[in-house]
N, C-alpha and C. Protein backbone atom coordinates (compact mmCIF):
# COMPACT_ATOMS: atom_id res chain seq x y z
N MET A 1 140.35 99.91 78.89
CA MET A 1 139.54 98.85 78.40
C MET A 1 140.02 97.50 78.92
N LYS A 2 141.35 97.35 79.07
CA LYS A 2 141.89 96.09 79.57
C LYS A 2 141.45 95.82 81.00
N LYS A 3 141.24 96.87 81.79
CA LYS A 3 140.87 96.70 83.20
C LYS A 3 139.38 96.40 83.37
N LEU A 4 138.57 96.62 82.36
CA LEU A 4 137.13 96.39 82.44
C LEU A 4 136.80 94.89 82.41
N GLY A 5 137.55 94.09 81.71
CA GLY A 5 137.31 92.65 81.60
C GLY A 5 137.37 91.95 82.95
N PRO A 6 138.46 92.12 83.73
CA PRO A 6 138.50 91.46 85.04
C PRO A 6 137.39 91.94 85.99
N LEU A 7 136.99 93.20 85.85
CA LEU A 7 135.91 93.72 86.69
C LEU A 7 134.59 93.02 86.37
N VAL A 8 134.27 92.89 85.10
CA VAL A 8 133.04 92.20 84.69
C VAL A 8 133.10 90.74 85.10
N LEU A 9 134.24 90.09 84.90
CA LEU A 9 134.40 88.69 85.30
C LEU A 9 134.23 88.55 86.81
N GLY A 10 134.75 89.47 87.58
CA GLY A 10 134.61 89.44 89.03
C GLY A 10 133.16 89.60 89.46
N LEU A 11 132.42 90.49 88.79
CA LEU A 11 131.00 90.67 89.09
C LEU A 11 130.20 89.40 88.81
N ILE A 12 130.50 88.75 87.69
CA ILE A 12 129.80 87.51 87.33
C ILE A 12 130.10 86.41 88.34
N ILE A 13 131.35 86.23 88.68
CA ILE A 13 131.72 85.21 89.67
C ILE A 13 131.10 85.54 91.03
N GLY A 14 131.11 86.80 91.41
CA GLY A 14 130.51 87.21 92.69
C GLY A 14 129.02 86.96 92.74
N ALA A 15 128.32 87.28 91.63
CA ALA A 15 126.87 87.06 91.56
C ALA A 15 126.55 85.56 91.64
N ALA A 16 127.34 84.74 90.92
CA ALA A 16 127.12 83.30 90.95
C ALA A 16 127.36 82.73 92.35
N ALA A 17 128.42 83.19 92.99
CA ALA A 17 128.73 82.70 94.35
C ALA A 17 127.63 83.10 95.32
N MET A 18 127.13 84.33 95.19
CA MET A 18 126.05 84.79 96.07
C MET A 18 124.78 83.99 95.84
N TYR A 19 124.47 83.68 94.58
CA TYR A 19 123.29 82.90 94.25
C TYR A 19 123.36 81.53 94.93
N PHE A 20 124.47 80.82 94.78
CA PHE A 20 124.61 79.50 95.37
C PHE A 20 124.65 79.56 96.90
N TYR A 21 125.24 80.59 97.45
CA TYR A 21 125.30 80.75 98.90
C TYR A 21 123.89 80.96 99.47
N CYS A 22 123.10 81.82 98.81
CA CYS A 22 121.73 82.08 99.29
C CYS A 22 120.85 80.85 99.16
N GLN A 23 120.98 80.10 98.09
CA GLN A 23 120.19 78.88 97.91
C GLN A 23 120.53 77.87 99.00
N ASN A 24 121.79 77.72 99.32
CA ASN A 24 122.23 76.79 100.35
C ASN A 24 121.74 77.25 101.72
N GLY A 25 121.75 78.54 101.96
CA GLY A 25 121.29 79.09 103.23
C GLY A 25 119.81 78.84 103.46
N GLU A 26 118.99 78.97 102.39
CA GLU A 26 117.56 78.70 102.50
C GLU A 26 117.32 77.24 102.83
N ALA A 27 118.06 76.33 102.22
CA ALA A 27 117.91 74.91 102.49
C ALA A 27 118.24 74.60 103.94
N GLU A 28 119.28 75.23 104.46
CA GLU A 28 119.65 75.01 105.85
C GLU A 28 118.58 75.54 106.81
N MET A 29 117.95 76.68 106.47
CA MET A 29 116.92 77.26 107.33
C MET A 29 115.69 76.38 107.37
N THR A 30 115.28 75.81 106.23
CA THR A 30 114.07 74.99 106.22
C THR A 30 114.29 73.67 106.94
N THR A 31 115.48 73.09 106.87
CA THR A 31 115.72 71.85 107.58
C THR A 31 115.96 72.08 109.07
N ALA A 32 116.37 73.30 109.44
CA ALA A 32 116.65 73.59 110.84
C ALA A 32 115.37 73.70 111.66
N GLN A 33 114.24 74.06 111.03
CA GLN A 33 112.98 74.18 111.77
C GLN A 33 112.30 72.82 111.81
N GLU A 34 112.75 72.01 112.73
CA GLU A 34 112.24 70.66 112.88
C GLU A 34 110.99 70.68 113.75
N LEU A 35 110.02 69.89 113.41
CA LEU A 35 108.77 69.80 114.17
C LEU A 35 109.02 69.01 115.45
N VAL A 36 108.68 69.61 116.58
CA VAL A 36 108.88 68.98 117.89
C VAL A 36 107.53 68.74 118.53
N LYS A 37 107.28 67.50 118.93
CA LYS A 37 106.03 67.16 119.61
C LYS A 37 106.13 67.65 121.06
N PRO A 38 105.23 68.53 121.49
CA PRO A 38 105.31 69.06 122.85
C PRO A 38 105.06 67.97 123.91
N LYS A 39 105.60 68.21 125.10
CA LYS A 39 105.34 67.31 126.22
C LYS A 39 103.86 67.36 126.55
N GLY A 40 103.29 66.24 126.90
CA GLY A 40 101.90 66.22 127.34
C GLY A 40 100.88 66.01 126.24
N VAL A 41 101.31 65.85 124.99
CA VAL A 41 100.36 65.60 123.91
C VAL A 41 99.73 64.22 124.13
N ILE A 42 98.40 64.18 124.08
CA ILE A 42 97.69 62.92 124.28
C ILE A 42 96.89 62.58 123.03
N SER A 43 96.42 61.35 122.99
CA SER A 43 95.64 60.91 121.82
C SER A 43 94.19 61.39 121.96
N PRO A 44 93.46 61.44 120.84
CA PRO A 44 92.04 61.77 120.92
C PRO A 44 91.27 60.81 121.83
N LYS A 45 91.66 59.55 121.84
CA LYS A 45 91.00 58.56 122.70
C LYS A 45 91.19 58.92 124.18
N GLU A 46 92.41 59.33 124.55
CA GLU A 46 92.67 59.74 125.93
C GLU A 46 91.90 61.02 126.27
N ALA A 47 91.78 61.94 125.32
CA ALA A 47 91.01 63.17 125.55
C ALA A 47 89.54 62.85 125.79
N LYS A 48 88.99 61.91 125.04
CA LYS A 48 87.59 61.50 125.24
C LYS A 48 87.41 60.90 126.61
N ALA A 49 88.38 60.08 127.06
CA ALA A 49 88.29 59.46 128.39
C ALA A 49 88.32 60.53 129.49
N LEU A 50 89.19 61.53 129.35
CA LEU A 50 89.25 62.62 130.33
C LEU A 50 87.93 63.39 130.36
N ASP A 51 87.40 63.68 129.19
CA ASP A 51 86.14 64.41 129.09
C ASP A 51 85.00 63.63 129.73
N GLN A 52 84.92 62.34 129.45
CA GLN A 52 83.85 61.52 130.02
C GLN A 52 84.00 61.38 131.53
N ALA A 53 85.22 61.29 132.02
CA ALA A 53 85.44 61.17 133.47
C ALA A 53 85.02 62.45 134.19
N TYR A 54 85.02 63.57 133.50
CA TYR A 54 84.62 64.84 134.11
C TYR A 54 83.09 64.98 134.19
N ASN A 55 82.36 64.18 133.43
CA ASN A 55 80.90 64.31 133.38
C ASN A 55 80.25 64.27 134.75
N LEU A 56 80.61 63.31 135.61
CA LEU A 56 79.98 63.17 136.91
C LEU A 56 80.19 64.44 137.74
N LYS A 57 81.41 64.93 137.81
CA LYS A 57 81.70 66.15 138.57
C LYS A 57 80.92 67.34 138.00
N HIS A 58 80.93 67.47 136.69
CA HIS A 58 80.24 68.59 136.05
C HIS A 58 78.73 68.53 136.34
N ASN A 59 78.16 67.34 136.24
CA ASN A 59 76.72 67.21 136.48
C ASN A 59 76.35 67.51 137.93
N ILE A 60 77.16 67.07 138.87
CA ILE A 60 76.88 67.35 140.29
C ILE A 60 76.93 68.86 140.54
N ILE A 61 77.95 69.50 140.05
CA ILE A 61 78.08 70.95 140.24
C ILE A 61 76.94 71.68 139.53
N ASN A 62 76.70 71.32 138.29
CA ASN A 62 75.68 71.99 137.49
C ASN A 62 74.29 71.81 138.09
N ASP A 63 73.97 70.57 138.52
CA ASP A 63 72.65 70.30 139.08
C ASP A 63 72.45 71.01 140.41
N SER A 64 73.52 71.14 141.20
CA SER A 64 73.36 71.76 142.51
C SER A 64 73.21 73.27 142.41
N LEU A 65 73.74 73.87 141.37
CA LEU A 65 73.65 75.32 141.22
C LEU A 65 72.45 75.76 140.39
N PHE A 66 71.89 74.84 139.64
CA PHE A 66 70.76 75.15 138.77
C PHE A 66 71.05 76.32 137.84
N LYS A 67 72.27 76.43 137.43
CA LYS A 67 72.64 77.53 136.54
C LYS A 67 72.66 77.02 135.10
N LYS A 68 71.99 77.72 134.28
CA LYS A 68 71.99 77.39 132.86
C LYS A 68 72.28 78.66 132.08
N SER A 69 73.03 78.52 131.02
CA SER A 69 73.24 79.67 130.16
C SER A 69 71.99 79.84 129.31
N PRO A 70 71.78 81.01 128.76
CA PRO A 70 70.59 81.23 127.95
C PRO A 70 70.48 80.27 126.76
N ASP A 71 71.62 79.79 126.26
CA ASP A 71 71.57 78.88 125.12
C ASP A 71 71.83 77.43 125.50
N GLY A 72 71.62 77.07 126.77
CA GLY A 72 71.58 75.66 127.16
C GLY A 72 72.80 75.11 127.84
N GLY A 73 72.80 75.04 129.16
CA GLY A 73 73.85 74.36 129.91
C GLY A 73 75.02 75.24 130.28
N ASP A 74 75.79 74.75 131.24
CA ASP A 74 76.99 75.44 131.67
C ASP A 74 78.12 75.12 130.70
N ASN A 75 79.10 75.98 130.67
CA ASN A 75 80.20 75.85 129.73
C ASN A 75 81.09 74.66 130.06
N ARG A 76 81.43 73.87 129.03
CA ARG A 76 82.34 72.74 129.18
C ARG A 76 83.67 72.96 128.47
N SER A 77 83.74 73.98 127.64
CA SER A 77 84.97 74.22 126.88
C SER A 77 85.09 75.71 126.57
N SER A 78 86.29 76.11 126.21
CA SER A 78 86.54 77.48 125.78
C SER A 78 87.37 77.44 124.51
N TRP A 79 87.15 78.42 123.63
CA TRP A 79 87.85 78.47 122.36
C TRP A 79 88.36 79.87 122.13
N TRP A 80 89.64 79.98 121.77
CA TRP A 80 90.26 81.23 121.36
C TRP A 80 90.83 81.01 119.98
N SER A 81 90.79 82.02 119.15
CA SER A 81 91.39 81.92 117.82
C SER A 81 92.91 81.91 117.96
N LEU A 82 93.58 81.37 116.96
CA LEU A 82 95.05 81.38 116.96
C LEU A 82 95.57 82.81 117.00
N GLU A 83 94.88 83.71 116.30
CA GLU A 83 95.30 85.11 116.30
C GLU A 83 95.21 85.70 117.70
N ASP A 84 94.10 85.41 118.42
CA ASP A 84 93.96 85.92 119.79
C ASP A 84 95.03 85.34 120.71
N ILE A 85 95.32 84.05 120.56
CA ILE A 85 96.35 83.42 121.40
C ILE A 85 97.72 84.03 121.11
N GLN A 86 98.06 84.19 119.83
CA GLN A 86 99.37 84.76 119.49
C GLN A 86 99.47 86.20 119.97
N ASN A 87 98.39 86.98 119.78
CA ASN A 87 98.38 88.36 120.26
C ASN A 87 98.52 88.40 121.77
N TYR A 88 97.86 87.47 122.46
CA TYR A 88 97.96 87.44 123.92
C TYR A 88 99.37 87.07 124.37
N ILE A 89 99.99 86.10 123.71
CA ILE A 89 101.36 85.72 124.06
C ILE A 89 102.29 86.93 123.89
N ASP A 90 102.15 87.64 122.78
CA ASP A 90 102.97 88.83 122.55
C ASP A 90 102.71 89.88 123.63
N TYR A 91 101.42 90.11 123.93
CA TYR A 91 101.03 91.10 124.94
C TYR A 91 101.58 90.71 126.32
N ALA A 92 101.40 89.42 126.68
CA ALA A 92 101.84 88.95 128.00
C ALA A 92 103.37 88.99 128.10
N ASP A 93 104.07 88.66 127.02
CA ASP A 93 105.53 88.71 127.03
C ASP A 93 106.01 90.14 127.25
N ASN A 94 105.39 91.09 126.58
CA ASN A 94 105.75 92.49 126.75
C ASN A 94 105.43 92.96 128.17
N GLN A 95 104.25 92.61 128.67
CA GLN A 95 103.86 93.04 130.01
C GLN A 95 104.75 92.39 131.07
N ALA A 96 105.10 91.11 130.88
CA ALA A 96 105.99 90.44 131.82
C ALA A 96 107.33 91.16 131.89
N GLY A 97 107.87 91.53 130.73
CA GLY A 97 109.14 92.26 130.70
C GLY A 97 109.05 93.58 131.43
N GLU A 98 107.94 94.31 131.24
CA GLU A 98 107.75 95.58 131.93
C GLU A 98 107.64 95.40 133.45
N LEU A 99 107.13 94.23 133.88
CA LEU A 99 106.98 93.95 135.31
C LEU A 99 108.22 93.30 135.91
N GLY A 100 109.27 93.06 135.08
CA GLY A 100 110.52 92.49 135.57
C GLY A 100 110.53 90.97 135.59
N TYR A 101 109.75 90.34 134.70
CA TYR A 101 109.69 88.88 134.62
C TYR A 101 110.12 88.43 133.23
N THR A 102 110.47 87.15 133.14
CA THR A 102 110.68 86.50 131.86
C THR A 102 109.53 85.51 131.68
N LEU A 103 108.71 85.73 130.67
CA LEU A 103 107.56 84.85 130.40
C LEU A 103 108.08 83.48 130.02
N ASP A 104 107.55 82.43 130.68
CA ASP A 104 107.97 81.07 130.32
C ASP A 104 106.82 80.10 130.11
N GLY A 105 105.58 80.57 130.25
CA GLY A 105 104.45 79.68 130.03
C GLY A 105 103.13 80.37 130.24
N LEU A 106 102.09 79.58 130.10
CA LEU A 106 100.72 80.04 130.33
C LEU A 106 100.02 78.98 131.17
N ARG A 107 99.15 79.42 132.08
CA ARG A 107 98.37 78.51 132.91
C ARG A 107 96.90 78.78 132.63
N VAL A 108 96.09 77.71 132.51
CA VAL A 108 94.66 77.84 132.29
C VAL A 108 93.93 77.51 133.59
N TYR A 109 93.06 78.40 134.02
CA TYR A 109 92.27 78.20 135.23
C TYR A 109 90.79 78.06 134.87
N LEU A 110 90.09 77.26 135.64
CA LEU A 110 88.63 77.24 135.61
C LEU A 110 88.14 78.32 136.55
N GLY A 111 87.10 79.02 136.18
CA GLY A 111 86.53 80.04 137.03
C GLY A 111 85.02 80.03 136.90
N SER A 112 84.40 80.88 137.67
CA SER A 112 82.95 81.03 137.63
C SER A 112 82.64 82.51 137.77
N TYR A 113 81.72 82.99 136.96
CA TYR A 113 81.37 84.40 137.03
C TYR A 113 80.69 84.69 138.36
N PRO A 114 81.06 85.81 139.00
CA PRO A 114 80.49 86.15 140.31
C PRO A 114 78.99 86.39 140.26
N ALA A 115 78.38 86.28 141.43
CA ALA A 115 76.93 86.45 141.55
C ALA A 115 76.56 87.92 141.45
N LYS A 116 76.62 88.44 140.26
CA LYS A 116 76.18 89.80 139.96
C LYS A 116 74.94 89.68 139.09
N PRO A 117 74.11 90.68 139.12
CA PRO A 117 72.94 90.61 138.23
C PRO A 117 73.39 90.45 136.78
N GLY A 118 72.85 89.47 136.13
CA GLY A 118 73.22 89.22 134.74
C GLY A 118 73.06 87.77 134.39
N GLU A 119 73.13 87.48 133.12
CA GLU A 119 72.88 86.12 132.64
C GLU A 119 74.03 85.16 132.92
N MET A 120 75.26 85.65 133.08
CA MET A 120 76.40 84.76 133.21
C MET A 120 76.75 84.42 134.65
N ALA A 121 76.06 85.00 135.64
CA ALA A 121 76.40 84.75 137.04
C ALA A 121 76.37 83.26 137.34
N GLY A 122 77.48 82.75 137.90
CA GLY A 122 77.59 81.35 138.29
C GLY A 122 78.04 80.42 137.19
N LEU A 123 78.07 80.88 135.95
CA LEU A 123 78.47 80.01 134.86
C LEU A 123 79.99 79.88 134.80
N THR A 124 80.44 78.73 134.32
CA THR A 124 81.86 78.42 134.25
C THR A 124 82.54 79.19 133.12
N THR A 125 83.78 79.59 133.39
CA THR A 125 84.63 80.19 132.37
C THR A 125 86.03 79.63 132.54
N MET A 126 86.86 79.83 131.58
CA MET A 126 88.28 79.48 131.65
C MET A 126 89.06 80.72 131.29
N PHE A 127 90.16 80.94 132.00
CA PHE A 127 91.00 82.09 131.69
C PHE A 127 92.46 81.69 131.74
N ILE A 128 93.26 82.43 130.99
CA ILE A 128 94.69 82.13 130.83
C ILE A 128 95.50 83.18 131.59
N VAL A 129 96.50 82.70 132.34
CA VAL A 129 97.37 83.58 133.13
C VAL A 129 98.81 83.35 132.69
N PRO A 130 99.57 84.42 132.46
CA PRO A 130 100.98 84.24 132.10
C PRO A 130 101.80 83.80 133.32
N THR A 131 102.80 82.96 133.08
CA THR A 131 103.70 82.53 134.15
C THR A 131 105.12 82.90 133.76
N GLY A 132 105.97 83.06 134.77
CA GLY A 132 107.35 83.39 134.48
C GLY A 132 108.18 83.45 135.73
N LYS A 133 109.44 83.82 135.52
CA LYS A 133 110.40 83.97 136.61
C LYS A 133 110.78 85.44 136.72
N LYS A 134 110.94 85.89 137.95
CA LYS A 134 111.40 87.25 138.21
C LYS A 134 112.83 87.36 137.70
N ASN A 135 113.12 88.42 136.98
CA ASN A 135 114.48 88.62 136.46
C ASN A 135 115.42 88.90 137.63
N ALA A 136 116.56 88.22 137.63
CA ALA A 136 117.58 88.43 138.67
C ALA A 136 118.35 89.70 138.35
N SER A 137 118.93 90.30 139.37
CA SER A 137 119.72 91.51 139.13
C SER A 137 120.92 91.15 138.27
N GLN A 138 121.31 92.07 137.41
CA GLN A 138 122.38 91.79 136.46
C GLN A 138 123.75 91.76 137.13
N GLY A 139 123.88 92.36 138.30
CA GLY A 139 125.17 92.42 138.96
C GLY A 139 125.52 91.15 139.73
N ALA A 140 124.56 90.32 140.02
CA ALA A 140 124.81 89.13 140.81
C ALA A 140 125.29 87.99 139.92
N ILE A 141 126.41 87.40 140.30
CA ILE A 141 126.96 86.28 139.53
C ILE A 141 126.21 85.00 139.86
N PHE A 142 125.97 84.75 141.14
CA PHE A 142 125.32 83.52 141.56
C PHE A 142 123.92 83.81 142.10
N ALA A 143 123.15 84.62 141.41
CA ALA A 143 121.81 84.98 141.87
C ALA A 143 120.90 83.76 141.82
N LEU A 144 120.13 83.58 142.86
CA LEU A 144 119.16 82.49 142.90
C LEU A 144 117.94 82.87 142.10
N GLN A 145 117.48 81.99 141.27
CA GLN A 145 116.30 82.24 140.46
C GLN A 145 115.06 81.87 141.26
N ASP A 146 114.06 82.76 141.22
CA ASP A 146 112.77 82.42 141.80
C ASP A 146 112.14 81.33 140.94
N PRO A 147 111.33 80.46 141.54
CA PRO A 147 110.66 79.46 140.73
C PRO A 147 109.62 80.12 139.83
N SER A 148 109.30 79.47 138.75
CA SER A 148 108.29 79.99 137.85
C SER A 148 106.93 79.94 138.53
N GLY A 149 106.16 80.98 138.34
CA GLY A 149 104.83 81.03 138.92
C GLY A 149 103.97 82.02 138.16
N ASP A 150 102.73 82.16 138.60
CA ASP A 150 101.83 83.12 137.97
C ASP A 150 102.39 84.53 138.14
N ILE A 151 102.29 85.32 137.11
CA ILE A 151 102.66 86.73 137.19
C ILE A 151 101.39 87.45 137.60
N THR A 152 101.26 87.67 138.89
CA THR A 152 99.98 88.12 139.46
C THR A 152 99.62 89.55 139.09
N ASP A 153 100.57 90.36 138.65
CA ASP A 153 100.25 91.73 138.25
C ASP A 153 99.95 91.83 136.75
N ALA A 154 100.08 90.74 136.02
CA ALA A 154 99.83 90.74 134.58
C ALA A 154 98.34 90.49 134.31
N ASP A 155 97.89 90.91 133.14
CA ASP A 155 96.48 90.77 132.77
C ASP A 155 96.19 89.38 132.22
N PRO A 156 95.27 88.62 132.84
CA PRO A 156 94.85 87.33 132.29
C PRO A 156 93.96 87.51 131.05
N LEU A 157 93.80 86.45 130.28
CA LEU A 157 92.94 86.44 129.10
C LEU A 157 91.68 85.64 129.41
N ASN A 158 90.52 86.23 129.21
CA ASN A 158 89.22 85.57 129.42
C ASN A 158 88.38 85.82 128.18
N MET A 159 87.13 85.61 128.29
CA MET A 159 86.13 85.89 127.26
C MET A 159 86.35 85.07 125.99
N ALA A 160 86.63 83.79 126.18
CA ALA A 160 86.71 82.89 125.03
C ALA A 160 85.30 82.59 124.55
N GLN A 161 85.21 82.02 123.37
CA GLN A 161 83.91 81.56 122.91
C GLN A 161 83.63 80.22 123.55
N GLN A 162 82.40 80.01 123.96
CA GLN A 162 82.03 78.75 124.60
C GLN A 162 81.69 77.71 123.55
N GLY A 163 81.50 76.48 124.03
CA GLY A 163 81.14 75.40 123.13
C GLY A 163 79.77 75.61 122.52
N LYS A 164 79.47 74.87 121.48
CA LYS A 164 78.18 74.96 120.80
C LYS A 164 77.50 73.61 120.85
N PRO A 165 76.52 73.38 121.68
CA PRO A 165 76.06 74.21 122.78
C PRO A 165 77.08 74.19 123.91
N PRO A 166 76.92 75.08 124.90
CA PRO A 166 77.92 75.20 125.95
C PRO A 166 78.24 73.90 126.68
N GLY A 167 77.26 73.05 126.90
CA GLY A 167 77.48 71.81 127.64
C GLY A 167 78.00 70.66 126.81
N SER A 168 78.38 70.89 125.55
CA SER A 168 78.84 69.82 124.66
C SER A 168 80.12 69.19 125.16
N ASN A 169 80.19 67.87 124.99
CA ASN A 169 81.39 67.12 125.33
C ASN A 169 82.39 67.15 124.17
N TYR A 170 83.58 66.62 124.45
CA TYR A 170 84.61 66.47 123.44
C TYR A 170 84.27 65.28 122.56
N PRO A 171 84.45 65.32 121.29
CA PRO A 171 84.82 66.44 120.43
C PRO A 171 83.59 67.21 119.99
N GLN A 172 83.78 68.45 119.60
CA GLN A 172 82.67 69.27 119.10
C GLN A 172 82.75 69.39 117.61
């Protein structure tokens, strides 16, 4: 019976120490995730200026091709859900690893659907391509890293939703 007291006291002290340790650890984790503004973030005013400056080029191309989507105009924007983007990043990261690359970014390209029979022929699209560096051999101490570039064997992401209507300017 005499030995039971120190055991119970030890359990109580241990539980209290664990409680305070876990609470302190949570506080450190929440403060450690600091919000970082990415490079290249622009203001809405600058985005409007970029969009308006593109109008002349878009109109010349659109007028010369006479291509219209069934719901009015050529595409000016593309939209992917956050879930689709996150799933694509995960998919591209896995595929890059299988191809011997380290995923380090994404590149967005403008494209146009080929002249095949169908409603979308000639209309503008945007697609995302994963970029990365080829993994160096593990045995080399001073291995030269290839520059980051498109991972040409990886699957790009297309088929975003277009603007409403497709020719709408920023903001929608």
